[in-house]
């Protein structure tokens, strides 16, 4: 499969900022995950954590809503990617706690729908 260059990619690369959540919403199969994957190609894998909301184990990592848990999970990381965030209960409050408590963390979250994301 050929990857078509996107004009959005260059602008997108400047968007993830420390202590902010970049949310990408759109219809299924519209390229949200591909856009984020292209971005993460240039990120040190040791400094990033990529989770999938459809994976029960990844979702479980976020369920203990505490600064201690998220600090442990994101130790040494400066980027968190949460794909399919709409499948994670209370994701809005979880991400808010992270960006309010963990200095310098950049968060990118994708969703195919906006149900229960904006809290």
N, C-alpha and C. Protein backbone atom coordinates (compact mmCIF):
# COMPACT_ATOMS: atom_id res chain seq x y z
N UNK A 1 0.84 -1.17 0.00
CA UNK A 1 0.00 0.00 0.00
C UNK A 1 0.89 1.24 0.00
N UNK A 2 0.57 2.18 -0.87
CA UNK A 2 1.33 3.41 -0.98
C UNK A 2 0.83 4.44 0.03
N UNK A 3 1.76 5.10 0.69
CA UNK A 3 1.40 6.14 1.64
C UNK A 3 1.42 7.48 0.93
N UNK A 4 0.31 8.21 0.95
CA UNK A 4 0.21 9.50 0.30
C UNK A 4 0.66 10.58 1.28
N UNK A 5 1.63 11.42 0.87
CA UNK A 5 2.07 12.50 1.77
C UNK A 5 0.90 13.43 2.11
N UNK A 6 0.82 13.83 3.36
CA UNK A 6 -0.27 14.71 3.79
C UNK A 6 0.29 16.09 4.12
N UNK A 7 -0.41 17.10 3.63
CA UNK A 7 -0.03 18.48 3.95
C UNK A 7 -0.14 18.71 5.45
N UNK A 8 -1.05 18.01 6.09
CA UNK A 8 -1.29 18.15 7.52
C UNK A 8 -0.10 17.68 8.36
N UNK A 9 0.71 16.74 7.83
CA UNK A 9 1.77 16.12 8.63
C UNK A 9 2.78 17.15 9.15
N UNK A 10 3.23 18.06 8.30
CA UNK A 10 4.24 19.04 8.73
C UNK A 10 3.70 19.92 9.85
N UNK A 11 2.46 20.36 9.72
CA UNK A 11 1.84 21.18 10.77
C UNK A 11 1.61 20.35 12.03
N UNK A 12 1.18 19.12 11.86
CA UNK A 12 0.91 18.24 12.99
C UNK A 12 2.16 18.02 13.84
N UNK A 13 3.30 17.91 13.22
CA UNK A 13 4.55 17.64 13.95
C UNK A 13 4.88 18.72 14.97
N UNK A 14 4.32 19.92 14.82
CA UNK A 14 4.56 21.01 15.76
C UNK A 14 3.48 21.08 16.85
N UNK A 15 2.43 20.31 16.76
CA UNK A 15 1.28 20.46 17.65
C UNK A 15 1.41 19.84 19.04
N UNK A 16 1.98 18.65 19.19
CA UNK A 16 2.06 18.10 20.56
C UNK A 16 2.96 18.97 21.44
N UNK A 17 2.36 19.50 22.51
CA UNK A 17 3.09 20.41 23.38
C UNK A 17 3.10 19.88 24.81
N UNK A 18 4.13 20.24 25.58
CA UNK A 18 4.20 19.78 26.97
C UNK A 18 2.97 20.21 27.78
N UNK A 19 2.48 19.27 28.57
CA UNK A 19 1.35 19.48 29.47
C UNK A 19 0.07 19.92 28.74
N UNK A 20 -0.08 19.39 27.53
CA UNK A 20 -1.28 19.59 26.74
C UNK A 20 -1.70 18.25 26.15
N UNK A 21 -3.00 18.13 25.87
CA UNK A 21 -3.53 16.94 25.20
C UNK A 21 -3.96 17.35 23.80
N UNK A 22 -3.40 16.72 22.80
CA UNK A 22 -3.81 16.92 21.42
C UNK A 22 -4.80 15.81 21.09
N UNK A 23 -6.06 16.18 20.86
CA UNK A 23 -7.09 15.19 20.58
C UNK A 23 -7.40 15.20 19.09
N UNK A 24 -7.43 14.01 18.51
CA UNK A 24 -7.72 13.87 17.09
C UNK A 24 -8.97 13.00 16.96
N UNK A 25 -10.03 13.61 16.49
CA UNK A 25 -11.30 12.89 16.32
C UNK A 25 -11.65 12.86 14.85
N UNK A 26 -12.26 11.77 14.43
CA UNK A 26 -12.70 11.66 13.05
C UNK A 26 -13.33 10.31 12.81
N UNK A 27 -13.89 10.14 11.62
CA UNK A 27 -14.53 8.86 11.30
C UNK A 27 -13.52 7.72 11.24
N UNK A 28 -14.01 6.52 11.40
CA UNK A 28 -13.15 5.34 11.29
C UNK A 28 -12.48 5.32 9.93
N UNK A 29 -11.25 4.82 9.91
CA UNK A 29 -10.47 4.63 8.69
C UNK A 29 -10.18 5.93 7.94
N UNK A 30 -10.07 7.05 8.68
CA UNK A 30 -9.79 8.33 8.03
C UNK A 30 -8.32 8.74 8.13
N UNK A 31 -7.49 7.92 8.78
CA UNK A 31 -6.06 8.18 8.82
C UNK A 31 -5.53 8.76 10.12
N UNK A 32 -6.35 8.75 11.17
CA UNK A 32 -5.90 9.31 12.47
C UNK A 32 -4.69 8.54 12.99
N UNK A 33 -4.80 7.24 13.04
CA UNK A 33 -3.70 6.42 13.57
C UNK A 33 -2.48 6.50 12.67
N UNK A 34 -2.68 6.52 11.37
CA UNK A 34 -1.55 6.64 10.44
C UNK A 34 -0.81 7.95 10.64
N UNK A 35 -1.54 9.03 10.88
CA UNK A 35 -0.94 10.33 11.13
C UNK A 35 -0.06 10.29 12.39
N UNK A 36 -0.58 9.69 13.43
CA UNK A 36 0.17 9.60 14.69
C UNK A 36 1.37 8.67 14.54
N UNK A 37 1.21 7.56 13.85
CA UNK A 37 2.34 6.64 13.64
C UNK A 37 3.48 7.32 12.89
N UNK A 38 3.13 8.10 11.87
CA UNK A 38 4.15 8.82 11.11
C UNK A 38 4.90 9.79 12.04
N UNK A 39 4.17 10.46 12.93
CA UNK A 39 4.79 11.37 13.90
C UNK A 39 5.75 10.61 14.82
N UNK A 40 5.31 9.46 15.33
CA UNK A 40 6.12 8.73 16.31
C UNK A 40 7.35 8.07 15.69
N UNK A 41 7.45 8.01 14.37
CA UNK A 41 8.66 7.48 13.72
C UNK A 41 9.88 8.31 14.10
N UNK A 42 9.68 9.58 14.41
CA UNK A 42 10.78 10.49 14.74
C UNK A 42 10.94 10.72 16.24
N UNK A 43 10.30 9.88 17.04
CA UNK A 43 10.34 10.01 18.50
C UNK A 43 11.12 8.83 19.06
N UNK A 44 11.97 9.09 20.03
CA UNK A 44 12.74 8.03 20.70
C UNK A 44 11.76 7.06 21.37
N UNK A 45 11.74 5.79 20.96
CA UNK A 45 10.79 4.83 21.55
C UNK A 45 10.96 4.64 23.06
N UNK A 46 12.15 4.92 23.58
CA UNK A 46 12.38 4.82 25.02
C UNK A 46 11.71 5.96 25.78
N UNK A 47 11.38 7.03 25.07
CA UNK A 47 10.79 8.20 25.71
C UNK A 47 9.29 8.33 25.43
N UNK A 48 8.69 7.29 24.86
CA UNK A 48 7.27 7.37 24.54
C UNK A 48 6.56 6.10 24.99
N UNK A 49 5.26 6.25 25.22
CA UNK A 49 4.40 5.12 25.57
C UNK A 49 3.18 5.21 24.66
N UNK A 50 2.91 4.13 23.95
CA UNK A 50 1.77 4.08 23.04
C UNK A 50 0.79 3.03 23.54
N UNK A 51 -0.43 3.47 23.83
CA UNK A 51 -1.47 2.58 24.34
C UNK A 51 -2.64 2.54 23.37
N UNK A 52 -3.37 1.43 23.40
CA UNK A 52 -4.54 1.26 22.55
C UNK A 52 -5.75 1.01 23.45
N UNK A 53 -6.75 1.86 23.34
CA UNK A 53 -7.94 1.75 24.18
C UNK A 53 -8.76 0.50 23.92
N UNK A 54 -8.52 -0.18 22.82
CA UNK A 54 -9.23 -1.43 22.54
C UNK A 54 -8.55 -2.63 23.19
N UNK A 55 -7.35 -2.43 23.72
CA UNK A 55 -6.60 -3.50 24.36
C UNK A 55 -6.88 -3.46 25.87
N UNK A 56 -7.44 -4.52 26.40
CA UNK A 56 -7.83 -4.56 27.80
C UNK A 56 -6.63 -4.39 28.74
N UNK A 57 -5.47 -4.86 28.35
CA UNK A 57 -4.28 -4.70 29.20
C UNK A 57 -3.83 -3.24 29.22
N UNK A 58 -3.85 -2.58 28.07
CA UNK A 58 -3.48 -1.16 28.04
C UNK A 58 -4.47 -0.33 28.85
N UNK A 59 -5.74 -0.62 28.69
CA UNK A 59 -6.78 0.10 29.44
C UNK A 59 -6.59 -0.10 30.94
N UNK A 60 -6.22 -1.30 31.34
CA UNK A 60 -6.00 -1.61 32.75
C UNK A 60 -4.89 -0.79 33.37
N UNK A 61 -3.87 -0.43 32.58
CA UNK A 61 -2.77 0.39 33.09
C UNK A 61 -3.24 1.75 33.57
N UNK A 62 -4.35 2.23 33.04
CA UNK A 62 -4.83 3.57 33.35
C UNK A 62 -5.92 3.61 34.41
N UNK A 63 -6.41 2.46 34.83
CA UNK A 63 -7.58 2.43 35.70
C UNK A 63 -7.32 2.90 37.13
N UNK A 64 -6.13 2.71 37.65
CA UNK A 64 -5.82 3.24 38.98
C UNK A 64 -5.53 4.73 38.82
N UNK A 65 -6.53 5.55 39.05
CA UNK A 65 -6.43 6.98 38.80
C UNK A 65 -5.72 7.67 39.96
N UNK A 66 -4.38 7.63 39.88
CA UNK A 66 -3.58 8.29 40.91
C UNK A 66 -2.32 8.87 40.27
N UNK A 67 -1.84 9.94 40.84
CA UNK A 67 -0.61 10.57 40.36
C UNK A 67 0.54 9.58 40.48
N UNK A 68 0.57 8.82 41.57
CA UNK A 68 1.65 7.84 41.77
C UNK A 68 1.66 6.80 40.65
N UNK A 69 0.50 6.29 40.28
CA UNK A 69 0.42 5.30 39.20
C UNK A 69 0.90 5.89 37.89
N UNK A 70 0.40 7.07 37.54
CA UNK A 70 0.78 7.67 36.26
C UNK A 70 2.23 8.12 36.24
N UNK A 71 2.75 8.57 37.36
CA UNK A 71 4.17 8.93 37.43
C UNK A 71 5.05 7.70 37.21
N UNK A 72 4.65 6.58 37.79
CA UNK A 72 5.38 5.32 37.61
C UNK A 72 5.30 4.86 36.15
N UNK A 73 4.11 4.91 35.57
CA UNK A 73 3.87 4.47 34.20
C UNK A 73 4.64 5.32 33.19
N UNK A 74 4.75 6.61 33.46
CA UNK A 74 5.36 7.54 32.50
C UNK A 74 6.77 7.99 32.90
N UNK A 75 7.38 7.31 33.85
CA UNK A 75 8.74 7.65 34.27
C UNK A 75 9.68 7.60 33.06
N UNK A 76 10.39 8.69 32.83
CA UNK A 76 11.34 8.75 31.72
C UNK A 76 10.70 8.98 30.36
N UNK A 77 9.40 9.18 30.32
CA UNK A 77 8.68 9.38 29.06
C UNK A 77 8.32 10.85 28.92
N UNK A 78 8.30 11.33 27.67
CA UNK A 78 7.82 12.69 27.43
C UNK A 78 6.66 12.71 26.44
N UNK A 79 6.23 11.52 25.99
CA UNK A 79 5.11 11.43 25.06
C UNK A 79 4.25 10.22 25.40
N UNK A 80 2.95 10.47 25.50
CA UNK A 80 1.97 9.40 25.66
C UNK A 80 1.01 9.49 24.49
N UNK A 81 0.80 8.36 23.81
CA UNK A 81 -0.19 8.27 22.75
C UNK A 81 -1.25 7.29 23.20
N UNK A 82 -2.51 7.71 23.13
CA UNK A 82 -3.63 6.83 23.46
C UNK A 82 -4.51 6.76 22.21
N UNK A 83 -4.45 5.63 21.52
CA UNK A 83 -5.25 5.41 20.33
C UNK A 83 -6.59 4.80 20.76
N UNK A 84 -7.66 5.17 20.10
CA UNK A 84 -9.01 4.67 20.41
C UNK A 84 -9.40 4.98 21.86
N UNK A 85 -9.17 6.22 22.25
CA UNK A 85 -9.43 6.64 23.63
C UNK A 85 -10.88 6.48 24.07
N UNK A 86 -11.80 6.47 23.13
CA UNK A 86 -13.23 6.42 23.49
C UNK A 86 -13.60 5.12 24.19
N UNK A 87 -12.74 4.12 24.16
CA UNK A 87 -13.01 2.84 24.82
C UNK A 87 -12.56 2.82 26.29
N UNK A 88 -11.92 3.88 26.74
CA UNK A 88 -11.38 3.92 28.11
C UNK A 88 -12.30 4.75 29.00
N UNK A 89 -12.89 4.12 30.02
CA UNK A 89 -13.77 4.87 30.93
C UNK A 89 -13.04 6.04 31.59
N UNK A 90 -13.71 7.16 31.68
CA UNK A 90 -13.19 8.37 32.35
C UNK A 90 -11.89 8.89 31.75
N UNK A 91 -11.68 8.68 30.45
CA UNK A 91 -10.41 9.07 29.84
C UNK A 91 -10.15 10.57 29.96
N UNK A 92 -11.18 11.39 29.89
CA UNK A 92 -10.98 12.83 30.02
C UNK A 92 -10.35 13.21 31.35
N UNK A 93 -10.87 12.64 32.42
CA UNK A 93 -10.33 12.93 33.75
C UNK A 93 -8.94 12.33 33.94
N UNK A 94 -8.71 11.17 33.35
CA UNK A 94 -7.39 10.52 33.43
C UNK A 94 -6.33 11.40 32.77
N UNK A 95 -6.61 11.85 31.55
CA UNK A 95 -5.63 12.66 30.83
C UNK A 95 -5.42 14.01 31.51
N UNK A 96 -6.48 14.59 32.06
CA UNK A 96 -6.35 15.86 32.79
C UNK A 96 -5.43 15.69 33.99
N UNK A 97 -5.62 14.62 34.74
CA UNK A 97 -4.76 14.37 35.90
C UNK A 97 -3.30 14.23 35.46
N UNK A 98 -3.07 13.52 34.36
CA UNK A 98 -1.70 13.34 33.88
C UNK A 98 -1.04 14.67 33.51
N UNK A 99 -1.71 15.46 32.68
CA UNK A 99 -1.07 16.70 32.21
C UNK A 99 -0.96 17.74 33.33
N UNK A 100 -1.84 17.66 34.32
CA UNK A 100 -1.76 18.57 35.46
C UNK A 100 -0.67 18.16 36.44
N UNK A 101 -0.29 16.88 36.44
CA UNK A 101 0.59 16.36 37.49
C UNK A 101 1.98 15.96 37.02
N UNK A 102 2.14 15.65 35.76
CA UNK A 102 3.43 15.14 35.26
C UNK A 102 4.05 16.20 34.35
N UNK A 103 5.05 16.88 34.87
CA UNK A 103 5.66 18.00 34.16
C UNK A 103 6.29 17.56 32.84
N UNK A 104 5.93 18.26 31.77
CA UNK A 104 6.55 18.03 30.47
C UNK A 104 5.92 16.96 29.61
N UNK A 105 4.93 16.24 30.11
CA UNK A 105 4.34 15.15 29.32
C UNK A 105 3.51 15.73 28.16
N UNK A 106 3.71 15.19 26.98
CA UNK A 106 2.90 15.53 25.81
C UNK A 106 1.97 14.36 25.58
N UNK A 107 0.72 14.63 25.28
CA UNK A 107 -0.27 13.57 25.10
C UNK A 107 -0.97 13.76 23.76
N UNK A 108 -1.05 12.67 23.00
CA UNK A 108 -1.84 12.64 21.77
C UNK A 108 -2.89 11.55 21.97
N UNK A 109 -4.15 11.88 21.73
CA UNK A 109 -5.23 10.91 21.89
C UNK A 109 -6.09 10.91 20.63
N UNK A 110 -6.41 9.71 20.14
CA UNK A 110 -7.28 9.61 18.97
C UNK A 110 -8.58 8.93 19.36
N UNK A 111 -9.64 9.30 18.63
CA UNK A 111 -10.94 8.71 18.90
C UNK A 111 -11.78 8.71 17.63
N UNK A 112 -12.55 7.65 17.47
CA UNK A 112 -13.46 7.56 16.33
C UNK A 112 -14.81 8.17 16.65
N UNK A 113 -15.05 8.45 17.91
CA UNK A 113 -16.27 9.14 18.30
C UNK A 113 -15.95 9.97 19.52
N UNK A 114 -16.82 10.88 19.89
CA UNK A 114 -16.50 11.77 21.01
C UNK A 114 -17.30 11.44 22.25
N UNK A 115 -17.96 10.30 22.30
CA UNK A 115 -18.75 9.93 23.47
C UNK A 115 -17.85 9.81 24.70
N UNK A 116 -18.23 10.45 25.79
CA UNK A 116 -17.55 10.36 27.08
C UNK A 116 -16.11 10.81 27.07
N UNK A 117 -15.67 11.53 26.06
CA UNK A 117 -14.29 11.99 26.02
C UNK A 117 -14.18 13.37 26.64
N UNK A 118 -15.09 14.25 26.33
CA UNK A 118 -15.04 15.63 26.83
C UNK A 118 -15.72 15.70 28.18
N UNK A 119 -14.92 15.75 29.25
CA UNK A 119 -15.47 15.79 30.61
C UNK A 119 -14.97 17.00 31.34
